[in-house]
C-alpha atoms as a PDB file:
ATOM      1  CA  UNK A   1    -181.238 -30.892 -60.799  1.00  0.00           C
ATOM      2  CA  UNK A   2    -184.607 -32.529 -61.420  1.00  0.00           C
ATOM      3  CA  UNK A   3    -183.277 -35.888 -60.235  1.00  0.00           C
ATOM      4  CA  UNK A   4    -181.873 -34.230 -57.101  1.00  0.00           C
ATOM      5  CA  UNK A   5    -185.278 -32.694 -56.294  1.00  0.00           C
ATOM      6  CA  UNK A   6    -186.954 -36.032 -56.947  1.00  0.00           C
ATOM      7  CA  UNK A   7    -184.635 -37.685 -54.434  1.00  0.00           C
ATOM      8  CA  UNK A   8    -185.472 -35.049 -51.839  1.00  0.00           C
ATOM      9  CA  UNK A   9    -189.262 -35.416 -52.109  1.00  0.00           C
ATOM     10  CA  UNK A  10    -189.540 -39.156 -52.728  1.00  0.00           C
ATOM     11  CA  UNK A  11    -189.832 -40.112 -49.055  1.00  0.00           C
ATOM     12  CA  UNK A  12    -192.281 -37.282 -48.295  1.00  0.00           C
ATOM     13  CA  UNK A  13    -194.624 -37.638 -51.260  1.00  0.00           C
ATOM     14  CA  UNK A  14    -194.272 -41.363 -51.857  1.00  0.00           C
ATOM     15  CA  UNK A  15    -193.345 -43.187 -55.046  1.00  0.00           C
ATOM     16  CA  UNK A  16    -196.576 -42.689 -57.001  1.00  0.00           C
ATOM     17  CA  UNK A  17    -196.915 -38.926 -56.531  1.00  0.00           C
ATOM     18  CA  UNK A  18    -193.196 -38.063 -56.623  1.00  0.00           C
ATOM     19  CA  UNK A  19    -192.521 -40.132 -59.732  1.00  0.00           C
ATOM     20  CA  UNK A  20    -195.594 -38.823 -61.563  1.00  0.00           C
ATOM     21  CA  UNK A  21    -194.507 -35.237 -60.840  1.00  0.00           C
ATOM     22  CA  UNK A  22    -190.915 -36.101 -61.829  1.00  0.00           C
ATOM     23  CA  UNK A  23    -191.968 -37.554 -65.195  1.00  0.00           C
ATOM     24  CA  UNK A  24    -194.415 -34.740 -65.913  1.00  0.00           C
ATOM     25  CA  UNK A  25    -191.696 -32.176 -65.115  1.00  0.00           C
ATOM     26  CA  UNK A  26    -189.304 -34.000 -67.414  1.00  0.00           C
ATOM     27  CA  UNK A  27    -191.818 -34.005 -70.247  1.00  0.00           C
ATOM     28  CA  UNK A  28    -192.507 -30.320 -69.572  1.00  0.00           C
ATOM     29  CA  UNK A  29    -188.790 -29.527 -69.764  1.00  0.00           C
ATOM     30  CA  UNK A  30    -188.692 -31.344 -73.108  1.00  0.00           C
ATOM     31  CA  UNK A  31    -191.381 -28.994 -74.380  1.00  0.00           C
ATOM     32  CA  UNK A  32    -194.762 -30.630 -73.770  1.00  0.00           C
ATOM     33  CA  UNK A  33    -197.257 -28.009 -72.534  1.00  0.00           C
ATOM     34  CA  UNK A  34    -200.628 -29.757 -72.616  1.00  0.00           C
ATOM     35  CA  UNK A  35    -201.588 -30.809 -69.047  1.00  0.00           C
ATOM     36  CA  UNK A  36    -203.626 -33.776 -70.305  1.00  0.00           C
ATOM     37  CA  UNK A  37    -200.698 -35.193 -72.221  1.00  0.00           C
ATOM     38  CA  UNK A  38    -198.380 -34.604 -69.269  1.00  0.00           C
ATOM     39  CA  UNK A  39    -200.801 -36.559 -67.078  1.00  0.00           C
ATOM     40  CA  UNK A  40    -201.474 -39.361 -69.571  1.00  0.00           C
ATOM     41  CA  UNK A  41    -197.777 -39.719 -70.352  1.00  0.00           C
ATOM     42  CA  UNK A  42    -196.789 -39.839 -66.671  1.00  0.00           C
ATOM     43  CA  UNK A  43    -199.370 -41.474 -64.426  1.00  0.00           C
ATOM     44  CA  UNK A  44    -199.989 -44.726 -66.354  1.00  0.00           C
ATOM     45  CA  UNK A  45    -196.259 -45.330 -66.667  1.00  0.00           C
ATOM     46  CA  UNK A  46    -195.767 -44.767 -62.935  1.00  0.00           C
ATOM     47  CA  UNK A  47    -198.677 -47.035 -62.005  1.00  0.00           C
ATOM     48  CA  UNK A  48    -197.328 -49.715 -64.335  1.00  0.00           C
ATOM     49  CA  UNK A  49    -193.868 -49.480 -62.794  1.00  0.00           C
ATOM     50  CA  UNK A  50    -195.365 -49.547 -59.315  1.00  0.00           C
ATOM     51  CA  UNK A  51    -197.391 -52.667 -60.111  1.00  0.00           C
ATOM     52  CA  UNK A  52    -194.338 -54.400 -61.501  1.00  0.00           C
ATOM     53  CA  UNK A  53    -192.169 -53.370 -58.552  1.00  0.00           C
ATOM     54  CA  UNK A  54    -194.686 -54.502 -55.966  1.00  0.00           C
ATOM     55  CA  UNK A  55    -195.324 -57.759 -57.797  1.00  0.00           C
ATOM     56  CA  UNK A  56    -199.106 -57.485 -57.693  1.00  0.00           C
ATOM     57  CA  UNK A  57    -200.516 -60.385 -59.644  1.00  0.00           C
ATOM     58  CA  UNK A  58    -197.271 -61.268 -61.385  1.00  0.00           C
ATOM     59  CA  UNK A  59    -198.116 -64.551 -63.041  1.00  0.00           C
ATOM     60  CA  UNK A  60    -196.967 -65.623 -66.459  1.00  0.00           C
ATOM     61  CA  UNK A  61    -199.813 -65.108 -68.895  1.00  0.00           C
ATOM     62  CA  UNK A  62    -202.658 -65.647 -66.506  1.00  0.00           C
ATOM     63  CA  UNK A  63    -205.135 -63.346 -68.259  1.00  0.00           C
ATOM     64  CA  UNK A  64    -206.832 -62.611 -64.966  1.00  0.00           C
ATOM     65  CA  UNK A  65    -203.723 -61.305 -63.247  1.00  0.00           C
ATOM     66  CA  UNK A  66    -203.649 -57.717 -62.090  1.00  0.00           C
ATOM     67  CA  UNK A  67    -200.429 -56.887 -63.932  1.00  0.00           C
ATOM     68  CA  UNK A  68    -201.894 -57.949 -67.274  1.00  0.00           C
ATOM     69  CA  UNK A  69    -205.110 -56.035 -66.651  1.00  0.00           C
ATOM     70  CA  UNK A  70    -203.074 -52.998 -65.576  1.00  0.00           C
ATOM     71  CA  UNK A  71    -200.934 -53.031 -68.725  1.00  0.00           C
ATOM     72  CA  UNK A  72    -204.043 -53.417 -70.862  1.00  0.00           C
ATOM     73  CA  UNK A  73    -205.757 -50.544 -69.048  1.00  0.00           C
ATOM     74  CA  UNK A  74    -202.738 -48.243 -69.324  1.00  0.00           C
ATOM     75  CA  UNK A  75    -202.278 -48.845 -73.038  1.00  0.00           C
ATOM     76  CA  UNK A  76    -205.994 -48.489 -73.752  1.00  0.00           C
ATOM     77  CA  UNK A  77    -206.025 -45.153 -71.847  1.00  0.00           C
ATOM     78  CA  UNK A  78    -203.054 -43.876 -73.828  1.00  0.00           C
ATOM     79  CA  UNK A  79    -204.675 -44.951 -77.108  1.00  0.00           C
ATOM     80  CA  UNK A  80    -207.922 -43.232 -76.128  1.00  0.00           C
ATOM     81  CA  UNK A  81    -206.145 -39.994 -75.175  1.00  0.00           C
ATOM     82  CA  UNK A  82    -203.746 -39.954 -78.156  1.00  0.00           C
ATOM     83  CA  UNK A  83    -205.443 -41.941 -80.945  1.00  0.00           C
ATOM     84  CA  UNK A  84    -203.539 -40.384 -83.856  1.00  0.00           C
ATOM     85  CA  UNK A  85    -200.059 -40.265 -82.317  1.00  0.00           C
ATOM     86  CA  UNK A  86    -197.282 -42.630 -83.305  1.00  0.00           C
ATOM     87  CA  UNK A  87    -196.131 -44.069 -80.009  1.00  0.00           C
ATOM     88  CA  UNK A  88    -193.151 -46.340 -79.484  1.00  0.00           C
ATOM     89  CA  UNK A  89    -192.742 -48.398 -76.335  1.00  0.00           C
ATOM     90  CA  UNK A  90    -189.251 -49.658 -75.591  1.00  0.00           C
ATOM     91  CA  UNK A  91    -188.637 -52.556 -73.234  1.00  0.00           C
ATOM     92  CA  UNK A  92    -185.253 -53.159 -71.678  1.00  0.00           C
ATOM     93  CA  UNK A  93    -183.578 -56.522 -72.089  1.00  0.00           C
ATOM     94  CA  UNK A  94    -183.079 -58.991 -69.249  1.00  0.00           C
ATOM     95  CA  UNK A  95    -179.401 -58.083 -69.189  1.00  0.00           C
ATOM     96  CA  UNK A  96    -178.316 -60.508 -66.461  1.00  0.00           C
ATOM     97  CA  UNK A  97    -179.833 -63.312 -68.521  1.00  0.00           C
ATOM     98  CA  UNK A  98    -177.991 -62.058 -71.609  1.00  0.00           C
ATOM     99  CA  UNK A  99    -174.669 -62.091 -69.762  1.00  0.00           C
ATOM    100  CA  UNK A 100    -175.251 -65.640 -68.510  1.00  0.00           C
ATOM    101  CA  UNK A 101    -176.617 -66.874 -71.884  1.00  0.00           C
ATOM    102  CA  UNK A 102    -179.912 -67.846 -70.267  1.00  0.00           C
ATOM    103  CA  UNK A 103    -182.462 -65.564 -71.967  1.00  0.00           C
ATOM    104  CA  UNK A 104    -184.670 -68.535 -72.868  1.00  0.00           C
ATOM    105  CA  UNK A 105    -184.891 -69.428 -69.164  1.00  0.00           C
ATOM    106  CA  UNK A 106    -185.489 -65.824 -68.051  1.00  0.00           C
ATOM    107  CA  UNK A 107    -188.056 -65.241 -65.334  1.00  0.00           C
ATOM    108  CA  UNK A 108    -188.851 -61.764 -66.653  1.00  0.00           C
ATOM    109  CA  UNK A 109    -188.864 -62.102 -70.446  1.00  0.00           C
ATOM    110  CA  UNK A 110    -192.615 -62.731 -70.284  1.00  0.00           C
ATOM    111  CA  UNK A 111    -193.029 -59.024 -69.456  1.00  0.00           C
ATOM    112  CA  UNK A 112    -191.455 -58.150 -72.818  1.00  0.00           C
ATOM    113  CA  UNK A 113    -193.794 -60.607 -74.547  1.00  0.00           C
ATOM    114  CA  UNK A 114    -196.782 -59.171 -72.701  1.00  0.00           C
ATOM    115  CA  UNK A 115    -195.980 -55.601 -73.726  1.00  0.00           C
ATOM    116  CA  UNK A 116    -195.360 -56.712 -77.326  1.00  0.00           C
ATOM    117  CA  UNK A 117    -198.811 -58.338 -77.444  1.00  0.00           C
ATOM    118  CA  UNK A 118    -200.567 -55.327 -75.926  1.00  0.00           C
ATOM    119  CA  UNK A 119    -198.754 -52.906 -78.259  1.00  0.00           C
ATOM    120  CA  UNK A 120    -199.895 -54.993 -81.218  1.00  0.00           C
ATOM    121  CA  UNK A 121    -203.459 -54.991 -79.850  1.00  0.00           C
ATOM    122  CA  UNK A 122    -203.569 -51.181 -79.571  1.00  0.00           C
ATOM    123  CA  UNK A 123    -201.529 -50.331 -82.657  1.00  0.00           C
ATOM    124  CA  UNK A 124    -198.427 -49.049 -80.869  1.00  0.00           C
ATOM    125  CA  UNK A 125    -194.901 -49.631 -82.072  1.00  0.00           C
ATOM    126  CA  UNK A 126    -192.654 -51.746 -79.875  1.00  0.00           C
ATOM    127  CA  UNK A 127    -188.944 -52.249 -79.369  1.00  0.00           C
ATOM    128  CA  UNK A 128    -187.717 -55.197 -77.363  1.00  0.00           C
ATOM    129  CA  UNK A 129    -184.030 -54.595 -76.712  1.00  0.00           C
ATOM    130  CA  UNK A 130    -183.363 -58.262 -75.909  1.00  0.00           C
ATOM    131  CA  UNK A 131    -182.214 -59.437 -79.354  1.00  0.00           C
ATOM    132  CA  UNK A 132    -180.358 -56.198 -80.086  1.00  0.00           C
ATOM    133  CA  UNK A 133    -178.516 -56.205 -76.752  1.00  0.00           C
ATOM    134  CA  UNK A 134    -177.805 -59.946 -77.047  1.00  0.00           C
ATOM    135  CA  UNK A 135    -176.176 -59.497 -80.453  1.00  0.00           C
ATOM    136  CA  UNK A 136    -174.139 -56.527 -79.264  1.00  0.00           C
ATOM    137  CA  UNK A 137    -172.962 -58.395 -76.166  1.00  0.00           C
ATOM    138  CA  UNK A 138    -171.910 -61.402 -78.244  1.00  0.00           C
ATOM    139  CA  UNK A 139    -169.988 -59.114 -80.602  1.00  0.00           C
ATOM    140  CA  UNK A 140    -167.936 -57.214 -78.059  1.00  0.00           C
ATOM    141  CA  UNK A 141    -168.660 -58.457 -74.520  1.00  0.00           C
ATOM    142  CA  UNK A 142    -169.438 -54.960 -73.251  1.00  0.00           C
ATOM    143  CA  UNK A 143    -172.056 -54.632 -70.542  1.00  0.00           C
ATOM    144  CA  UNK A 144    -174.814 -52.048 -70.798  1.00  0.00           C
ATOM    145  CA  UNK A 145    -175.033 -50.827 -67.219  1.00  0.00           C
ATOM    146  CA  UNK A 146    -173.001 -48.843 -64.766  1.00  0.00           C
ATOM    147  CA  UNK A 147    -170.583 -50.690 -62.535  1.00  0.00           C
ATOM    148  CA  UNK A 148    -172.428 -49.173 -59.555  1.00  0.00           C
ATOM    149  CA  UNK A 149    -176.048 -50.078 -60.289  1.00  0.00           C
ATOM    150  CA  UNK A 150    -178.317 -51.446 -63.005  1.00  0.00           C
ATOM    151  CA  UNK A 151    -178.910 -48.139 -64.822  1.00  0.00           C
ATOM    152  CA  UNK A 152    -177.562 -47.985 -68.360  1.00  0.00           C
ATOM    153  CA  UNK A 153    -174.073 -46.655 -68.815  1.00  0.00           C
ATOM    154  CA  UNK A 154    -173.101 -44.494 -71.805  1.00  0.00           C
ATOM    155  CA  UNK A 155    -172.784 -47.569 -74.025  1.00  0.00           C
ATOM    156  CA  UNK A 156    -176.213 -48.855 -72.938  1.00  0.00           C
ATOM    157  CA  UNK A 157    -177.779 -45.480 -73.661  1.00  0.00           C
ATOM    158  CA  UNK A 158    -176.101 -45.329 -77.059  1.00  0.00           C
ATOM    159  CA  UNK A 159    -177.322 -48.812 -77.987  1.00  0.00           C
ATOM    160  CA  UNK A 160    -180.897 -48.086 -76.825  1.00  0.00           C
ATOM    161  CA  UNK A 161    -180.855 -44.730 -78.653  1.00  0.00           C
ATOM    162  CA  UNK A 162    -179.654 -46.475 -81.804  1.00  0.00           C
ATOM    163  CA  UNK A 163    -182.497 -49.006 -81.607  1.00  0.00           C
ATOM    164  CA  UNK A 164    -185.013 -46.208 -81.002  1.00  0.00           C
ATOM    165  CA  UNK A 165    -183.680 -44.090 -83.853  1.00  0.00           C
ATOM    166  CA  UNK A 166    -183.870 -47.041 -86.239  1.00  0.00           C
ATOM    167  CA  UNK A 167    -187.490 -47.681 -85.203  1.00  0.00           C
ATOM    168  CA  UNK A 168    -188.335 -43.985 -85.599  1.00  0.00           C
ATOM    169  CA  UNK A 169    -186.967 -44.102 -89.144  1.00  0.00           C
ATOM    170  CA  UNK A 170    -188.860 -47.341 -89.831  1.00  0.00           C
ATOM    171  CA  UNK A 171    -192.201 -45.795 -88.821  1.00  0.00           C
ATOM    172  CA  UNK A 172    -191.480 -42.440 -90.510  1.00  0.00           C
ATOM    173  CA  UNK A 173    -191.163 -40.306 -87.401  1.00  0.00           C
ATOM    174  CA  UNK A 174    -187.754 -39.086 -88.584  1.00  0.00           C
ATOM    175  CA  UNK A 175    -186.100 -39.112 -91.982  1.00  0.00           C
END
């Protein structure tokens, strides 16, 4: 239902506002009640996605690029707002590169490296699904996304959930 409403208002409100409201509503449904946390958990993520999607300043490891400054700003804002929380960032794998055995030549893997570096800088936990997905694909040849688009299928969700659960156990969020 929430996704349906999001689709209806996306054109009217625009990506930034509609997606921020969508994420905040999702977090609210999952039980978060504090408006500040809803805002801090939603807006920086949406701005980061928007910057990546629009390609502003996308340059591999040019410290002056806008994307790198944006990621640094977003993570520093989250750390400032939630200094004592254990936070785990998960980065999807470059799945097309996994399927073609060309991860080392990937044009997007630098984004995973960038987020790993920034998470280390701010003391966040980080999961890069690249190695995990690569190993799973080599084992069984199953793809992680729907046949219709690039969203994860049930198998992709299960693999990502498994990686997240293992990290949560590793950092003592769950037993």
